[in-house]
Amino acid sequence: MEEEKQQFQLQGEAARSPYSSQSRGMVLQVYQYLRMRSPLMCEADLEAETAAATGISVRTLQRIKKEDIEASHNQDPDTPGQLTATSQGWP
């Protein structure tokens, strides 16, 4: 029973994120580039421009940013692993 519950949770996570980690990283890099290029641009315009440049919705961009922040907070500092945009000093 416990295995079925864990398997269901993993399937839910996969269904929640149809983009690969590489795609998500690229979206975050575009966001960061646009943010550095136009530091005075408001967040809503920055998100809209990033979404248009990458072909995703603004809501999907917001989810990717949120998950990146959560991943950087959950990362064990003693365990080497993939660096997220936030863990590299990106807001």
N, C-alpha and C. Protein backbone atom coordinates (compact mmCIF):
# COMPACT_ATOMS: atom_id res chain seq x y z
N MET A 1 0.82 -1.20 0.00
CA MET A 1 0.00 0.00 0.00
C MET A 1 0.87 1.26 0.00
N GLU A 2 1.92 1.22 0.81
CA GLU A 2 2.81 2.39 0.88
C GLU A 2 3.53 2.62 -0.45
N GLU A 3 3.92 1.53 -1.14
CA GLU A 3 4.58 1.66 -2.42
C GLU A 3 3.65 2.30 -3.45
N GLU A 4 2.39 1.92 -3.43
CA GLU A 4 1.42 2.50 -4.36
C GLU A 4 1.26 3.99 -4.10
N LYS A 5 1.25 4.35 -2.83
CA LYS A 5 1.11 5.77 -2.47
C LYS A 5 2.31 6.57 -2.98
N GLN A 6 3.52 6.03 -2.80
CA GLN A 6 4.72 6.71 -3.27
C GLN A 6 4.73 6.81 -4.79
N GLN A 7 4.33 5.74 -5.45
CA GLN A 7 4.30 5.74 -6.91
C GLN A 7 3.30 6.78 -7.41
N PHE A 8 2.16 6.88 -6.76
CA PHE A 8 1.16 7.87 -7.14
C PHE A 8 1.71 9.28 -6.97
N GLN A 9 2.44 9.52 -5.88
CA GLN A 9 3.02 10.84 -5.65
C GLN A 9 4.04 11.17 -6.73
N LEU A 10 4.86 10.21 -7.13
CA LEU A 10 5.83 10.45 -8.19
C LEU A 10 5.16 10.74 -9.51
N GLN A 11 4.08 10.03 -9.80
CA GLN A 11 3.35 10.29 -11.03
C GLN A 11 2.73 11.68 -11.00
N GLY A 12 2.26 12.12 -9.85
CA GLY A 12 1.69 13.45 -9.71
C GLY A 12 2.72 14.53 -9.95
N GLU A 13 3.93 14.30 -9.46
CA GLU A 13 5.00 15.27 -9.68
C GLU A 13 5.35 15.35 -11.15
N ALA A 14 5.41 14.22 -11.82
CA ALA A 14 5.74 14.21 -13.25
C ALA A 14 4.64 14.90 -14.05
N ALA A 15 3.39 14.66 -13.68
CA ALA A 15 2.28 15.27 -14.40
C ALA A 15 2.24 16.78 -14.16
N ARG A 16 2.72 17.20 -13.02
CA ARG A 16 2.69 18.61 -12.69
C ARG A 16 3.74 19.40 -13.48
N SER A 17 4.81 18.76 -13.92
CA SER A 17 5.90 19.44 -14.58
C SER A 17 6.22 18.76 -15.92
N PRO A 18 5.59 19.20 -16.99
CA PRO A 18 5.84 18.55 -18.28
C PRO A 18 7.15 18.97 -18.94
N TYR A 19 7.86 19.93 -18.36
CA TYR A 19 9.10 20.43 -18.94
C TYR A 19 10.29 19.74 -18.30
N SER A 20 11.29 19.43 -19.11
CA SER A 20 12.50 18.80 -18.60
C SER A 20 13.29 19.80 -17.76
N SER A 21 14.19 19.30 -16.95
CA SER A 21 15.00 20.18 -16.13
C SER A 21 15.86 21.08 -17.01
N GLN A 22 16.27 20.58 -18.16
CA GLN A 22 17.06 21.39 -19.09
C GLN A 22 16.22 22.55 -19.63
N SER A 23 14.97 22.29 -19.97
CA SER A 23 14.08 23.34 -20.47
C SER A 23 13.81 24.37 -19.39
N ARG A 24 13.60 23.88 -18.18
CA ARG A 24 13.33 24.79 -17.06
C ARG A 24 14.55 25.67 -16.79
N GLY A 25 15.73 25.09 -16.89
CA GLY A 25 16.96 25.86 -16.70
C GLY A 25 17.11 26.94 -17.76
N MET A 26 16.78 26.60 -19.00
CA MET A 26 16.85 27.57 -20.07
C MET A 26 15.89 28.73 -19.84
N VAL A 27 14.68 28.41 -19.39
CA VAL A 27 13.69 29.45 -19.09
C VAL A 27 14.22 30.39 -18.01
N LEU A 28 14.82 29.82 -16.96
CA LEU A 28 15.38 30.64 -15.89
C LEU A 28 16.55 31.49 -16.38
N GLN A 29 17.34 30.96 -17.30
CA GLN A 29 18.45 31.74 -17.85
C GLN A 29 17.94 32.91 -18.69
N VAL A 30 16.90 32.68 -19.48
CA VAL A 30 16.30 33.77 -20.26
C VAL A 30 15.75 34.83 -19.32
N TYR A 31 15.05 34.39 -18.28
CA TYR A 31 14.50 35.32 -17.30
C TYR A 31 15.61 36.17 -16.68
N GLN A 32 16.70 35.51 -16.26
CA GLN A 32 17.80 36.23 -15.64
C GLN A 32 18.47 37.19 -16.62
N TYR A 33 18.64 36.78 -17.85
CA TYR A 33 19.24 37.65 -18.86
C TYR A 33 18.39 38.91 -19.06
N LEU A 34 17.09 38.72 -19.22
CA LEU A 34 16.21 39.87 -19.42
C LEU A 34 16.18 40.77 -18.18
N ARG A 35 16.29 40.16 -17.03
CA ARG A 35 16.30 40.93 -15.78
C ARG A 35 17.55 41.79 -15.69
N MET A 36 18.70 41.24 -16.08
CA MET A 36 19.95 42.01 -16.05
C MET A 36 19.96 43.08 -17.14
N ARG A 37 19.38 42.77 -18.29
CA ARG A 37 19.35 43.71 -19.40
C ARG A 37 18.49 44.93 -19.09
N SER A 38 17.39 44.71 -18.38
CA SER A 38 16.45 45.80 -18.07
C SER A 38 16.13 45.77 -16.58
N PRO A 39 17.06 46.25 -15.73
CA PRO A 39 16.86 46.14 -14.28
C PRO A 39 15.68 46.96 -13.73
N LEU A 40 15.23 47.94 -14.48
CA LEU A 40 14.13 48.78 -14.00
C LEU A 40 12.75 48.29 -14.46
N MET A 41 12.73 47.23 -15.25
CA MET A 41 11.46 46.69 -15.75
C MET A 41 10.68 46.07 -14.59
N CYS A 42 9.38 46.33 -14.54
CA CYS A 42 8.57 45.74 -13.47
C CYS A 42 8.46 44.23 -13.67
N GLU A 43 8.17 43.53 -12.59
CA GLU A 43 8.15 42.06 -12.60
C GLU A 43 7.12 41.52 -13.59
N ALA A 44 5.95 42.13 -13.67
CA ALA A 44 4.91 41.65 -14.58
C ALA A 44 5.36 41.75 -16.04
N ASP A 45 5.99 42.86 -16.41
CA ASP A 45 6.49 43.02 -17.78
C ASP A 45 7.64 42.05 -18.05
N LEU A 46 8.50 41.87 -17.07
CA LEU A 46 9.63 40.94 -17.21
C LEU A 46 9.13 39.51 -17.42
N GLU A 47 8.13 39.11 -16.64
CA GLU A 47 7.56 37.78 -16.80
C GLU A 47 6.88 37.63 -18.15
N ALA A 48 6.17 38.65 -18.59
CA ALA A 48 5.48 38.60 -19.89
C ALA A 48 6.49 38.49 -21.03
N GLU A 49 7.59 39.24 -20.96
CA GLU A 49 8.61 39.19 -22.00
C GLU A 49 9.32 37.83 -22.01
N THR A 50 9.61 37.30 -20.83
CA THR A 50 10.26 35.99 -20.74
C THR A 50 9.34 34.91 -21.30
N ALA A 51 8.07 34.97 -20.95
CA ALA A 51 7.10 33.99 -21.44
C ALA A 51 7.00 34.05 -22.96
N ALA A 52 6.97 35.25 -23.51
CA ALA A 52 6.88 35.39 -24.96
C ALA A 52 8.15 34.88 -25.64
N ALA A 53 9.31 35.14 -25.05
CA ALA A 53 10.57 34.72 -25.64
C ALA A 53 10.75 33.20 -25.60
N THR A 54 10.20 32.56 -24.59
CA THR A 54 10.40 31.12 -24.43
C THR A 54 9.21 30.28 -24.90
N GLY A 55 8.09 30.92 -25.16
CA GLY A 55 6.92 30.19 -25.66
C GLY A 55 6.12 29.47 -24.59
N ILE A 56 6.25 29.91 -23.34
CA ILE A 56 5.46 29.32 -22.26
C ILE A 56 4.52 30.39 -21.72
N SER A 57 3.59 29.99 -20.87
CA SER A 57 2.68 30.96 -20.29
C SER A 57 3.34 31.64 -19.09
N VAL A 58 2.82 32.80 -18.73
CA VAL A 58 3.33 33.52 -17.57
C VAL A 58 3.15 32.67 -16.32
N ARG A 59 2.03 31.99 -16.22
CA ARG A 59 1.77 31.14 -15.04
C ARG A 59 2.80 30.00 -14.94
N THR A 60 3.16 29.41 -16.06
CA THR A 60 4.16 28.36 -16.05
C THR A 60 5.51 28.92 -15.62
N LEU A 61 5.85 30.10 -16.10
CA LEU A 61 7.09 30.76 -15.67
C LEU A 61 7.08 30.98 -14.16
N GLN A 62 5.96 31.44 -13.63
CA GLN A 62 5.87 31.67 -12.19
C GLN A 62 6.04 30.37 -11.41
N ARG A 63 5.48 29.27 -11.92
CA ARG A 63 5.66 27.97 -11.27
C ARG A 63 7.12 27.53 -11.30
N ILE A 64 7.78 27.70 -12.43
CA ILE A 64 9.17 27.31 -12.56
C ILE A 64 10.03 28.12 -11.58
N LYS A 65 9.77 29.42 -11.50
CA LYS A 65 10.53 30.25 -10.56
C LYS A 65 10.28 29.81 -9.12
N LYS A 66 9.04 29.53 -8.79
CA LYS A 66 8.69 29.11 -7.43
C LYS A 66 9.38 27.79 -7.08
N GLU A 67 9.32 26.83 -8.00
CA GLU A 67 9.94 25.53 -7.75
C GLU A 67 11.46 25.65 -7.64
N ASP A 68 12.05 26.57 -8.39
CA ASP A 68 13.49 26.79 -8.30
C ASP A 68 13.87 27.33 -6.92
N ILE A 69 13.07 28.26 -6.42
CA ILE A 69 13.32 28.81 -5.09
C ILE A 69 13.17 27.72 -4.03
N GLU A 70 12.12 26.91 -4.14
CA GLU A 70 11.91 25.83 -3.18
C GLU A 70 13.04 24.82 -3.24
N ALA A 71 13.51 24.51 -4.44
CA ALA A 71 14.61 23.55 -4.59
C ALA A 71 15.89 24.08 -3.95
N SER A 72 16.13 25.37 -4.08
CA SER A 72 17.35 25.92 -3.50
C SER A 72 17.27 25.95 -1.97
N HIS A 73 16.08 26.08 -1.41
CA HIS A 73 15.92 26.06 0.04
C HIS A 73 16.00 24.65 0.61
N ASN A 74 15.62 23.65 -0.19
CA ASN A 74 15.62 22.27 0.26
C ASN A 74 16.94 21.57 0.01
N GLN A 75 17.86 22.23 -0.66
CA GLN A 75 19.13 21.60 -1.01
C GLN A 75 20.04 21.54 0.21
N ASP A 76 20.61 20.36 0.47
CA ASP A 76 21.55 20.18 1.57
C ASP A 76 22.88 20.79 1.17
N PRO A 77 23.39 21.76 1.93
CA PRO A 77 24.64 22.43 1.53
C PRO A 77 25.85 21.50 1.52
N ASP A 78 25.80 20.37 2.25
CA ASP A 78 26.93 19.44 2.28
C ASP A 78 26.87 18.43 1.15
N THR A 79 25.77 18.40 0.41
CA THR A 79 25.60 17.43 -0.67
C THR A 79 25.76 18.14 -2.01
N PRO A 80 26.78 17.75 -2.78
CA PRO A 80 26.91 18.37 -4.10
C PRO A 80 25.76 17.94 -4.99
N GLY A 81 25.33 18.83 -5.82
CA GLY A 81 24.23 18.50 -6.72
C GLY A 81 24.06 19.59 -7.75
N GLN A 82 22.97 19.52 -8.44
CA GLN A 82 22.70 20.49 -9.49
C GLN A 82 22.44 21.85 -8.86
N LEU A 83 23.10 22.86 -9.38
CA LEU A 83 22.87 24.21 -8.89
C LEU A 83 21.63 24.79 -9.56
N THR A 84 20.80 25.42 -8.76
CA THR A 84 19.62 26.08 -9.31
C THR A 84 19.95 27.54 -9.54
N ALA A 85 19.09 28.21 -10.25
CA ALA A 85 19.32 29.62 -10.52
C ALA A 85 19.40 30.41 -9.22
N THR A 86 18.57 30.09 -8.26
CA THR A 86 18.56 30.80 -6.99
C THR A 86 19.83 30.50 -6.20
N SER A 87 20.28 29.25 -6.21
CA SER A 87 21.47 28.89 -5.46
C SER A 87 22.72 29.52 -6.06
N GLN A 88 22.64 29.98 -7.31
CA GLN A 88 23.77 30.65 -7.94
C GLN A 88 23.73 32.15 -7.68
N GLY A 89 22.82 32.59 -6.84
CA GLY A 89 22.74 34.01 -6.50
C GLY A 89 21.69 34.77 -7.26
N TRP A 90 20.89 34.09 -8.07
CA TRP A 90 19.81 34.76 -8.79
C TRP A 90 18.64 34.92 -7.86
N PRO A 91 17.96 36.02 -7.90
CA PRO A 91 16.79 36.19 -7.03
C PRO A 91 15.63 35.34 -7.42
